[in-house]
Amino acid sequence: MTVSPSNFVSFISEIFPLLQIYAGSFFTIPLIRWFLVRKRNGEIERRNRAREQYARALERPDLSLRRKV
């Protein structure tokens, strides 16, 4: 005796690869976003450090900078 699969089971087995891609996107999209945010934050940190150095240079100017300012 054989049992034929119901319409729902056959439908799910047909779209199973798409469901796997959908499930995988829950891991890949946040992972990619994490790398992008990490890169952007590093660029912001470098820019902020440069701004702090410029601010310190203006607070304690050397002789040539005093003449310019």
Foldseek 3Di string as FASTA:
>chain_A
DDDDDDPVVVVCVVCVVVVVVVVVCVVVVVVVVVVVVVVVVVVVVVVVVVVVVVVVCVVPPDDVVVVVD
